[in-house]
């Protein structure tokens, strides 16, 4: 009897493994299909500048699919810095309020399905594969669709199919011509604006703000993070043209830090009529600004939600690789730095939480970024850099990055691949220095994976 039970259990195990293998094969085929289209996130800046961005393709595709994006209220978030964090805060608040909440962001850290989340969890590999099979014949009828456009359509479809009743969409690039900008949101959110993707968006803050403000819709409210005057003037002008009321965080809505530690931050958000205390696990003064922006967006969205629900959601928010502390002693920190302004925020956060510790930085960013500007801002805190290369088509060689670091006057060595660069940084840091991983999101994903493998192998040896 026991043998037959064992054989049956063994059969179930083999069947389960077979099914899992089949699902992963379908998932990989779905990814191959998506990447068979033009993916501008993998293109060099010169090619990006020549891209044919327009919304006609998305409108045509979504119309053929029955416009699923119109089936639930949406919070739409654009900006240069903080748009992912603001999106994560908004989604966490909505989920805590009992809504089945969709969250669409890009790029992903490790797994493609991270881009499409429901109630804080990526959709299943099997679900993405099924959605891809559904969309294929519709895609075939619209010429020149891109990977991002199709993925955005898949998110709209997924949220409708799986019963989402509130969603947050982060803009991919810019705003005015971004694939997400076919929605009529309950509120348009514009986070902190600075210089990035200038080959596409323009080389002045006013031009960049004009592209970002392109998400503002007629008669729909707008929430803006604090902005430089040049950017704010454009946002307010576009909003006035659209008869859209702007709520400006830092002016109409005030925020004030009460307390902070490595466990999180407590602060107040004040308007003319109310005050609420909020606690968040994300670190850095910029995250207080982001949370205040998200709080304001939720309150003006018209989606019913209470302060208590927002408090609960914000206290539980997860947004990895944004000054994420992987280990406290000695500290290992991972961050996603993409321009000079974000490097300033990173340095300020290092000064706030680790004021006296020298930093060994593992560094890789994409070639079109302001590398000299980022290094200039971080230099006062850096003892040494380990330059490496991310597994990304736009990532330059570790040797090229090391040359830029040398020009900045910072001691450097080049080590590849990323996992070995992390090992080298840990070796250099010893017990008294900070190991900081900084660079693109793709690089952050590689370091996250390498750290997890390192932890698992240590646990295995200990066991």
Protein backbone atom coordinates (compact mmCIF):
# COMPACT_ATOMS: atom_id res chain seq x y z
CA UNK A 1 0.00 0.00 0.00
CA UNK A 2 2.75 2.44 0.97
CA UNK A 3 4.55 1.73 -2.29
CA UNK A 4 1.48 2.55 -4.38
CA UNK A 5 0.98 5.80 -2.42
CA UNK A 6 4.62 6.67 -3.01
CA UNK A 7 4.30 5.96 -6.72
CA UNK A 8 1.14 8.10 -6.93
CA UNK A 9 2.87 10.96 -5.09
CA UNK A 10 5.86 10.62 -7.38
CA UNK A 11 3.55 10.76 -10.39
CA UNK A 12 1.92 13.94 -9.05
CA UNK A 13 5.36 15.46 -8.55
CA UNK A 14 6.43 14.62 -12.11
CA UNK A 15 3.13 16.01 -13.42
CA UNK A 16 3.61 19.23 -11.43
CA UNK A 17 7.17 19.65 -12.71
CA UNK A 18 5.99 19.00 -16.26
CA UNK A 19 3.25 21.62 -15.94
CA UNK A 20 5.67 24.14 -14.46
CA UNK A 21 8.12 23.55 -17.28
CA UNK A 22 5.36 23.98 -19.83
CA UNK A 23 4.27 27.28 -18.24
CA UNK A 24 7.83 28.62 -18.26
CA UNK A 25 8.18 27.65 -21.92
CA UNK A 26 4.98 29.54 -22.72
CA UNK A 27 6.18 32.52 -20.70
CA UNK A 28 9.53 32.63 -22.47
CA UNK A 29 7.78 32.42 -25.83
CA UNK A 30 5.57 35.33 -24.76
CA UNK A 31 8.67 37.38 -23.86
CA UNK A 32 10.31 36.44 -27.17
CA UNK A 33 7.18 37.71 -28.92
CA UNK A 34 7.20 41.01 -27.00
CA UNK A 35 10.90 41.57 -27.63
CA UNK A 36 10.45 40.83 -31.34
CA UNK A 37 9.03 44.36 -31.64
CA UNK A 38 11.01 47.58 -31.31
CA UNK A 39 12.00 48.11 -27.69
CA UNK A 40 13.24 51.67 -27.33
CA UNK A 41 14.37 51.06 -23.75
CA UNK A 42 17.16 48.93 -25.24
CA UNK A 43 18.09 51.45 -27.93
CA UNK A 44 20.87 54.01 -27.87
CA UNK A 45 19.90 57.65 -27.38
CA UNK A 46 20.61 58.49 -31.03
CA UNK A 47 18.01 55.93 -32.14
CA UNK A 48 15.58 57.07 -29.45
CA UNK A 49 15.70 60.62 -30.79
CA UNK A 50 14.53 59.38 -34.20
CA UNK A 51 11.68 57.28 -32.82
CA UNK A 52 8.20 57.70 -34.24
CA UNK A 53 6.28 58.40 -31.04
CA UNK A 54 2.55 59.02 -31.48
CA UNK A 55 -0.65 57.79 -29.87
CA UNK A 56 -2.50 56.71 -33.03
CA UNK A 57 -1.29 53.13 -32.77
CA UNK A 58 -2.35 52.82 -29.13
CA UNK A 59 -5.79 54.33 -29.75
CA UNK A 60 -6.34 51.91 -32.65
CA UNK A 61 -5.15 48.88 -30.69
CA UNK A 62 -7.18 49.67 -27.59
CA UNK A 63 -10.32 50.39 -29.61
CA UNK A 64 -10.05 46.97 -31.23
CA UNK A 65 -9.71 45.43 -27.74
CA UNK A 66 -12.84 47.19 -26.46
CA UNK A 67 -11.01 49.96 -24.58
CA UNK A 68 -10.43 48.05 -21.31
CA UNK A 69 -8.60 51.11 -19.90
CA UNK A 70 -11.99 52.79 -19.46
CA UNK A 71 -13.32 50.14 -17.08
CA UNK A 72 -11.69 51.39 -13.84
CA UNK A 73 -10.53 54.72 -12.33
CA UNK A 74 -6.88 55.56 -12.97
CA UNK A 75 -4.23 57.69 -11.31
CA UNK A 76 -1.69 58.69 -13.98
CA UNK A 77 1.86 59.61 -12.88
CA UNK A 78 4.58 61.35 -14.89
CA UNK A 79 7.84 63.02 -13.82
CA UNK A 80 11.62 62.75 -13.94
CA UNK A 81 12.27 61.60 -10.39
CA UNK A 82 9.96 59.88 -7.93
CA UNK A 83 7.22 58.77 -10.32
CA UNK A 84 7.73 55.11 -9.50
CA UNK A 85 7.72 55.77 -5.75
CA UNK A 86 4.61 57.98 -6.00
CA UNK A 87 2.90 55.26 -8.03
CA UNK A 88 3.82 52.64 -5.42
CA UNK A 89 2.48 54.84 -2.59
CA UNK A 90 -0.80 55.48 -4.44
CA UNK A 91 -1.27 51.77 -5.14
CA UNK A 92 -0.51 50.82 -1.52
CA UNK A 93 -3.08 53.34 -0.28
CA UNK A 94 -5.76 52.09 -2.65
CA UNK A 95 -5.09 48.47 -1.72
CA UNK A 96 -5.35 49.28 2.01
CA UNK A 97 -8.70 50.94 1.25
CA UNK A 98 -10.00 47.62 -0.03
CA UNK A 99 -9.71 48.23 -3.75
CA UNK A 100 -8.41 45.49 -6.01
CA UNK A 101 -5.54 47.62 -7.24
CA UNK A 102 -3.56 47.52 -10.45
CA UNK A 103 -0.07 49.01 -10.69
CA UNK A 104 1.78 49.46 -13.98
CA UNK A 105 5.42 50.58 -13.84
CA UNK A 106 8.59 50.24 -15.87
CA UNK A 107 11.25 49.05 -16.19
CA UNK A 108 11.23 45.85 -14.16
CA UNK A 109 13.92 45.03 -11.63
CA UNK A 110 14.29 41.26 -12.18
CA UNK A 111 11.21 39.71 -13.84
CA UNK A 112 9.15 41.23 -16.67
CA UNK A 113 5.83 40.56 -14.93
CA UNK A 114 6.81 43.01 -12.17
CA UNK A 115 5.57 45.70 -14.56
CA UNK A 116 1.96 44.53 -14.18
CA UNK A 117 0.94 44.05 -10.55
CA UNK A 118 -2.39 43.42 -8.84
CA UNK A 119 -2.61 44.02 -5.09
CA UNK A 120 1.15 44.27 -4.82
CA UNK A 121 1.91 41.02 -6.63
CA UNK A 122 3.10 40.61 -10.24
CA UNK A 123 0.68 38.74 -12.47
CA UNK A 124 1.61 35.09 -12.99
CA UNK A 125 3.83 33.96 -15.84
CA UNK A 126 0.91 31.87 -17.04
CA UNK A 127 -1.39 34.91 -17.06
CA UNK A 128 1.02 37.00 -19.14
CA UNK A 129 1.41 34.15 -21.62
CA UNK A 130 -2.38 33.83 -21.93
CA UNK A 131 -2.83 37.57 -22.44
CA UNK A 132 -0.16 37.60 -25.13
CA UNK A 133 -2.01 34.87 -27.04
CA UNK A 134 -5.20 36.93 -26.84
CA UNK A 135 -3.59 40.13 -28.08
CA UNK A 136 -1.59 38.68 -30.99
CA UNK A 137 -4.30 38.88 -33.70
CA UNK A 138 -5.14 42.46 -32.68
CA UNK A 139 -1.48 43.50 -32.76
CA UNK A 140 -1.15 42.00 -36.24
CA UNK A 141 -3.65 44.56 -37.55
CA UNK A 142 -1.76 47.64 -36.28
CA UNK A 143 1.55 48.48 -37.92
CA UNK A 144 4.72 49.59 -36.12
CA UNK A 145 3.64 48.80 -32.55
CA UNK A 146 6.47 48.73 -30.00
CA UNK A 147 7.25 46.43 -27.10
CA UNK A 148 6.24 49.10 -24.59
CA UNK A 149 2.96 49.85 -26.37
CA UNK A 150 1.98 46.18 -26.42
CA UNK A 151 2.99 45.72 -22.78
CA UNK A 152 0.92 48.76 -21.80
CA UNK A 153 -2.06 47.28 -23.65
CA UNK A 154 -1.51 43.99 -21.79
CA UNK A 155 -1.67 45.88 -18.49
CA UNK A 156 -4.95 47.56 -19.47
CA UNK A 157 -6.31 44.13 -20.46
CA UNK A 158 -5.05 42.36 -17.33
CA UNK A 159 -6.62 44.86 -14.98
CA UNK A 160 -9.98 44.59 -16.73
CA UNK A 161 -9.85 40.80 -17.00
CA UNK A 162 -8.93 40.21 -13.35
CA UNK A 163 -11.42 42.63 -11.83
CA UNK A 164 -9.26 45.56 -10.81
CA UNK A 165 -11.39 48.46 -9.58
CA UNK A 166 -8.66 51.11 -9.23
CA UNK A 167 -5.32 51.40 -11.04
CA UNK A 168 -2.14 53.46 -11.06
CA UNK A 169 -0.19 53.92 -14.29
CA UNK A 170 3.36 55.24 -14.36
CA UNK A 171 4.42 56.98 -17.57
CA UNK A 172 7.26 55.25 -19.37
CA UNK A 173 8.97 58.18 -21.12
CA UNK A 174 7.90 61.81 -21.20
CA UNK A 175 4.12 61.97 -21.04
CA UNK A 176 2.50 63.67 -24.02
CA UNK A 177 3.27 60.85 -26.47
CA UNK A 178 3.72 58.02 -23.98
CA UNK A 179 1.69 54.87 -24.61
CA UNK A 180 -0.09 55.26 -21.25
CA UNK A 181 -1.44 58.67 -22.28
CA UNK A 182 -4.62 57.36 -23.87
CA UNK A 183 -6.35 57.34 -20.49
CA UNK A 184 -8.68 59.90 -18.97
CA UNK A 185 -7.46 59.65 -15.38
CA UNK A 186 -9.14 60.75 -12.18
CA UNK A 187 -6.01 62.79 -11.48
CA UNK A 188 -2.80 63.56 -13.37
CA UNK A 189 0.31 63.62 -11.17
CA UNK A 190 3.60 65.29 -12.09
CA UNK A 191 6.51 64.50 -9.81
CA UNK A 192 9.81 66.37 -9.55
CA UNK A 193 11.13 67.50 -12.96
CA UNK A 194 14.82 67.66 -13.91
CA UNK A 195 17.08 66.89 -16.87
CA UNK A 196 16.89 63.39 -18.39
CA UNK A 197 16.22 61.88 -21.85
CA UNK A 198 17.05 65.29 -23.32
CA UNK A 199 17.54 63.87 -26.83
CA UNK A 200 13.82 63.09 -26.87
CA UNK A 201 12.22 65.53 -24.43
CA UNK A 202 14.27 68.65 -25.04
CA UNK A 203 17.30 70.34 -23.50
CA UNK A 204 15.53 72.93 -21.34
CA UNK A 205 13.44 72.39 -18.24
CA UNK A 206 10.55 74.20 -19.91
CA UNK A 207 10.56 71.79 -22.88
CA UNK A 208 10.78 68.77 -20.58
CA UNK A 209 7.92 70.14 -18.46
CA UNK A 210 5.84 70.63 -21.60
CA UNK A 211 6.23 66.94 -22.48
CA UNK A 212 5.44 65.79 -18.94
CA UNK A 213 2.45 68.14 -18.67
CA UNK A 214 1.06 66.46 -21.77
CA UNK A 215 -0.73 64.02 -19.46
CA UNK A 216 -2.99 66.80 -18.14
CA UNK A 217 -6.57 66.25 -19.34
CA UNK A 218 -9.47 68.64 -19.81
CA UNK A 219 -11.27 69.49 -16.54
CA UNK A 220 -9.39 66.80 -14.56
CA UNK A 221 -7.39 67.68 -11.41
CA UNK A 222 -3.60 67.90 -11.38
CA UNK A 223 -1.21 67.32 -8.48
CA UNK A 224 2.39 68.49 -8.74
CA UNK A 225 5.40 67.90 -6.54
CA UNK A 226 7.51 70.98 -5.75
CA UNK A 227 9.04 72.28 -9.01
CA UNK A 228 11.62 74.79 -10.15
CA UNK A 229 9.96 77.99 -11.37
CA UNK A 230 10.74 77.29 -15.04
CA UNK A 231 8.96 73.92 -14.90
CA UNK A 232 6.10 75.03 -12.69
CA UNK A 233 5.23 77.91 -15.02
CA UNK A 234 4.71 75.42 -17.88
CA UNK A 235 2.67 72.98 -15.78
CA UNK A 236 0.39 75.73 -14.55
CA UNK A 237 -0.04 77.18 -18.06
CA UNK A 238 -0.99 73.80 -19.56
CA UNK A 239 -3.39 73.14 -16.67
CA UNK A 240 -5.03 76.54 -17.14
CA UNK A 241 -5.51 75.82 -20.86
CA UNK A 242 -7.20 72.53 -19.92
CA UNK A 243 -9.31 74.13 -17.16
CA UNK A 244 -7.62 71.77 -14.70
CA UNK A 245 -7.03 72.78 -11.10
CA UNK A 246 -3.46 72.32 -9.87
CA UNK A 247 -2.71 71.36 -6.27
CA UNK A 248 0.95 72.14 -5.61
CA UNK A 249 2.69 70.11 -2.91
CA UNK A 250 4.98 72.36 -0.89
CA UNK A 251 2.59 75.29 -1.30
CA UNK A 252 -1.07 74.22 -1.14
CA UNK A 253 -0.08 71.10 0.78
CA UNK A 254 2.74 71.33 3.33
CA UNK A 255 4.77 68.47 4.78
CA UNK A 256 7.14 68.31 7.75
CA UNK A 257 9.49 65.60 9.01
CA UNK A 258 8.90 64.50 12.60
CA UNK A 259 11.32 61.61 13.02
CA UNK A 260 13.44 59.21 11.01
CA UNK A 261 15.58 56.13 11.51
CA UNK A 262 16.68 53.14 9.46
CA UNK A 263 13.24 51.69 10.20
CA UNK A 264 11.41 54.51 8.41
CA UNK A 265 10.18 58.09 8.59
CA UNK A 266 7.27 59.86 10.30
CA UNK A 267 5.99 63.18 9.01
CA UNK A 268 2.90 65.34 8.78
CA UNK A 269 0.97 66.48 5.72
CA UNK A 270 -1.01 69.69 6.19
CA UNK A 271 -3.62 71.48 4.14
CA UNK A 272 -5.72 74.52 5.08
CA UNK A 273 -8.34 72.23 6.60
CA UNK A 274 -6.57 69.14 7.95
CA UNK A 275 -3.38 67.53 9.18
CA UNK A 276 -2.41 63.86 9.10
CA UNK A 277 0.67 62.01 10.38
CA UNK A 278 2.12 59.37 8.09
CA UNK A 279 4.79 56.72 8.52
CA UNK A 280 6.73 55.26 5.59
CA UNK A 281 9.48 52.62 5.39
CA UNK A 282 11.21 54.31 2.43
CA UNK A 283 14.20 56.46 3.40
CA UNK A 284 15.35 59.93 2.37
CA UNK A 285 13.74 63.37 2.45
CA UNK A 286 12.74 62.98 -1.20
CA UNK A 287 10.50 60.06 -0.23
CA UNK A 288 8.58 62.33 2.15
CA UNK A 289 7.98 64.64 -0.81
CA UNK A 290 6.89 61.65 -2.90
CA UNK A 291 4.56 60.38 -0.18
CA UNK A 292 3.03 63.85 0.29
CA UNK A 293 2.44 63.99 -3.47
CA UNK A 294 0.81 60.54 -3.45
CA UNK A 295 -1.34 61.44 -0.43
CA UNK A 296 -2.57 64.56 -2.22
CA UNK A 297 -3.25 62.63 -5.43
CA UNK A 298 -5.35 60.08 -3.57
CA UNK A 299 -7.35 62.78 -1.79
CA UNK A 300 -8.20 64.75 -4.94
CA UNK A 301 -8.76 61.70 -7.16
CA UNK A 302 -12.43 61.35 -6.26
CA UNK A 303 -11.80 57.70 -5.37
CA UNK A 304 -13.27 57.26 -1.86
CA UNK A 305 -10.43 56.76 0.64
CA UNK A 306 -9.82 57.80 4.26
CA UNK A 307 -6.72 59.13 5.98
CA UNK A 308 -6.63 55.97 8.10
CA UNK A 309 -6.56 53.78 4.99
CA UNK A 310 -3.78 55.88 3.47
CA UNK A 311 -1.81 55.65 6.74
CA UNK A 312 -2.09 51.87 6.68
CA UNK A 313 -1.13 51.57 3.02
CA UNK A 314 1.83 53.93 3.19
CA UNK A 315 3.24 52.14 6.23
CA UNK A 316 3.32 48.90 4.22
CA UNK A 317 4.58 50.21 0.87
CA UNK A 318 7.34 48.30 -0.91
CA UNK A 319 9.52 49.85 -3.61
CA UNK A 320 12.86 48.03 -3.88
CA UNK A 321 16.23 49.39 -5.02
CA UNK A 322 15.48 52.94 -3.82
CA UNK A 323 17.99 53.44 -1.00
CA UNK A 324 17.13 49.91 0.03
CA UNK A 325 19.26 48.61 2.88
CA UNK A 326 20.12 45.01 2.12
CA UNK A 327 22.23 44.67 5.26
CA UNK A 328 22.68 47.03 8.21
CA UNK A 329 26.07 46.04 9.62
CA UNK A 330 28.24 46.65 7.78
CA UNK A 331 25.78 48.52 5.56
CA UNK A 332 24.97 47.33 2.05
CA UNK A 333 22.73 49.79 0.21
CA UNK A 334 21.23 49.60 -3.27
CA UNK A 335 19.88 52.59 -5.16
CA UNK A 336 18.75 53.47 -8.69
CA UNK A 337 20.47 56.68 -9.75
CA UNK A 338 19.74 58.00 -13.24
CA UNK A 339 20.66 61.72 -13.32
CA UNK A 340 22.43 64.48 -11.42
CA UNK A 341 19.40 65.39 -9.32
CA UNK A 342 18.92 61.81 -8.14
CA UNK A 343 22.64 61.67 -7.27
CA UNK A 344 22.14 64.76 -5.09
CA UNK A 345 19.24 63.02 -3.31
CA UNK A 346 21.37 59.90 -2.84
CA UNK A 347 24.25 61.90 -1.34
CA UNK A 348 21.87 63.75 0.98
CA UNK A 349 20.37 60.44 2.15
CA UNK A 350 23.84 58.98 2.76
CA UNK A 351 24.69 62.07 4.82
CA UNK A 352 21.44 61.74 6.72
CA UNK A 353 21.73 58.08 7.69
CA UNK A 354 25.46 57.28 7.46
CA UNK A 355 27.23 60.63 7.93
CA UNK A 356 30.65 59.37 8.98
CA UNK A 357 31.19 56.19 6.98
CA UNK A 358 33.34 56.09 3.82
CA UNK A 359 31.65 54.54 0.78
CA UNK A 360 32.78 51.87 -1.67
CA UNK A 361 30.47 52.19 -4.66
CA UNK A 362 29.70 49.53 -7.26
CA UNK A 363 28.70 51.56 -10.29
CA UNK A 364 27.17 51.03 -13.70
CA UNK A 365 24.81 53.31 -15.56
CA UNK A 366 23.67 53.62 -19.16
CA UNK A 367 25.81 55.50 -21.64
CA UNK A 368 23.36 58.35 -22.31
CA UNK A 369 23.19 59.42 -18.68
CA UNK A 370 24.96 62.42 -17.09
CA UNK A 371 27.76 60.31 -15.63
CA UNK A 372 30.09 63.24 -14.91
CA UNK A 373 27.29 65.11 -13.13
CA UNK A 374 26.36 62.10 -11.01
CA UNK A 375 29.98 61.45 -10.04
CA UNK A 376 30.57 65.10 -9.16
CA UNK A 377 27.65 65.05 -6.72
CA UNK A 378 28.62 61.73 -5.12
CA UNK A 379 32.40 62.31 -5.03
CA UNK A 380 32.53 63.84 -1.51
CA UNK A 381 31.27 60.56 -0.04
CA UNK A 382 33.23 58.10 -2.18
CA UNK A 383 36.48 56.41 -1.19
CA UNK A 384 36.61 54.13 -4.21
CA UNK A 385 34.45 52.93 -7.12
CA UNK A 386 34.26 49.43 -8.56
CA UNK A 387 33.13 50.00 -12.14
CA UNK A 388 31.30 47.17 -13.85
CA UNK A 389 28.91 46.45 -16.71
CA UNK A 390 25.20 45.60 -16.53
CA UNK A 391 23.78 42.99 -18.87
CA UNK A 392 21.99 45.64 -20.96
CA UNK A 393 22.47 46.71 -24.59
CA UNK A 394 22.92 50.36 -23.59
CA UNK A 395 25.43 49.64 -20.85
CA UNK A 396 28.99 50.70 -21.72
CA UNK A 397 32.03 48.60 -20.83
CA UNK A 398 33.37 48.59 -17.29
CA UNK A 399 36.64 50.00 -18.66
CA UNK A 400 34.84 52.96 -20.29
CA UNK A 401 33.00 53.72 -17.04
CA UNK A 402 36.31 53.47 -15.17
CA UNK A 403 37.76 56.09 -17.55
CA UNK A 404 34.93 58.50 -16.69
CA UNK A 405 35.49 57.87 -12.98
CA UNK A 406 39.21 58.56 -13.38
CA UNK A 407 38.40 61.87 -15.09
CA UNK A 408 36.30 62.74 -12.02
CA UNK A 409 39.34 62.16 -9.82
CA UNK A 410 37.95 59.17 -7.92
CA UNK A 411 40.02 55.97 -7.34
CA UNK A 412 38.55 53.18 -9.46
CA UNK A 413 38.99 49.65 -10.69
CA UNK A 414 37.01 47.75 -13.32
CA UNK A 415 35.56 44.32 -12.47
CA UNK A 416 33.08 42.20 -14.44
CA UNK A 417 30.56 40.67 -14.21
CA UNK A 418 28.38 42.56 -11.72
CA UNK A 419 28.35 39.72 -9.17
CA UNK A 420 32.16 39.74 -9.00
CA UNK A 421 32.14 43.54 -8.73
CA UNK A 422 29.90 43.20 -5.68
CA UNK A 423 32.29 40.63 -4.19
CA UNK A 424 35.20 43.00 -4.76
CA UNK A 425 33.36 45.92 -3.12
CA UNK A 426 32.56 43.78 -0.09
CA UNK A 427 36.23 42.82 0.14
CA UNK A 428 37.36 46.47 -0.08
CA UNK A 429 34.79 47.67 2.45
CA UNK A 430 35.66 45.26 5.22
CA UNK A 431 33.73 45.89 8.43
CA UNK A 432 33.84 49.69 8.61
CA UNK A 433 32.64 51.05 5.26
CA UNK A 434 29.42 51.26 3.30
CA UNK A 435 28.94 49.19 0.18
CA UNK A 436 26.71 51.19 -2.16
CA UNK A 437 25.36 49.87 -5.45
CA UNK A 438 24.25 52.73 -7.70
CA UNK A 439 23.19 52.99 -11.32
CA UNK A 440 20.41 51.94 -13.65
CA UNK A 441 17.38 49.90 -12.60
CA UNK A 442 18.65 47.03 -14.77
CA UNK A 443 21.91 47.09 -12.84
CA UNK A 444 20.06 47.26 -9.53
CA UNK A 445 18.23 44.09 -10.55
CA UNK A 446 21.51 42.29 -11.23
CA UNK A 447 22.99 43.33 -7.90
CA UNK A 448 19.78 42.33 -6.09
CA UNK A 449 19.98 38.88 -7.67
CA UNK A 450 23.70 38.56 -6.90
CA UNK A 451 23.13 39.56 -3.27
CA UNK A 452 20.31 37.06 -2.86
CA UNK A 453 22.43 34.25 -4.31
CA UNK A 454 25.26 35.22 -2.00
CA UNK A 455 22.93 35.13 1.02
CA UNK A 456 21.49 31.78 -0.01
CA UNK A 457 24.92 30.23 -0.49
CA UNK A 458 26.00 31.52 2.95
CA UNK A 459 22.89 30.01 4.54
CA UNK A 460 23.55 26.75 2.70
CA UNK A 461 27.11 26.58 3.98
CA UNK A 462 25.94 27.38 7.49
CA UNK A 463 23.36 24.61 7.30
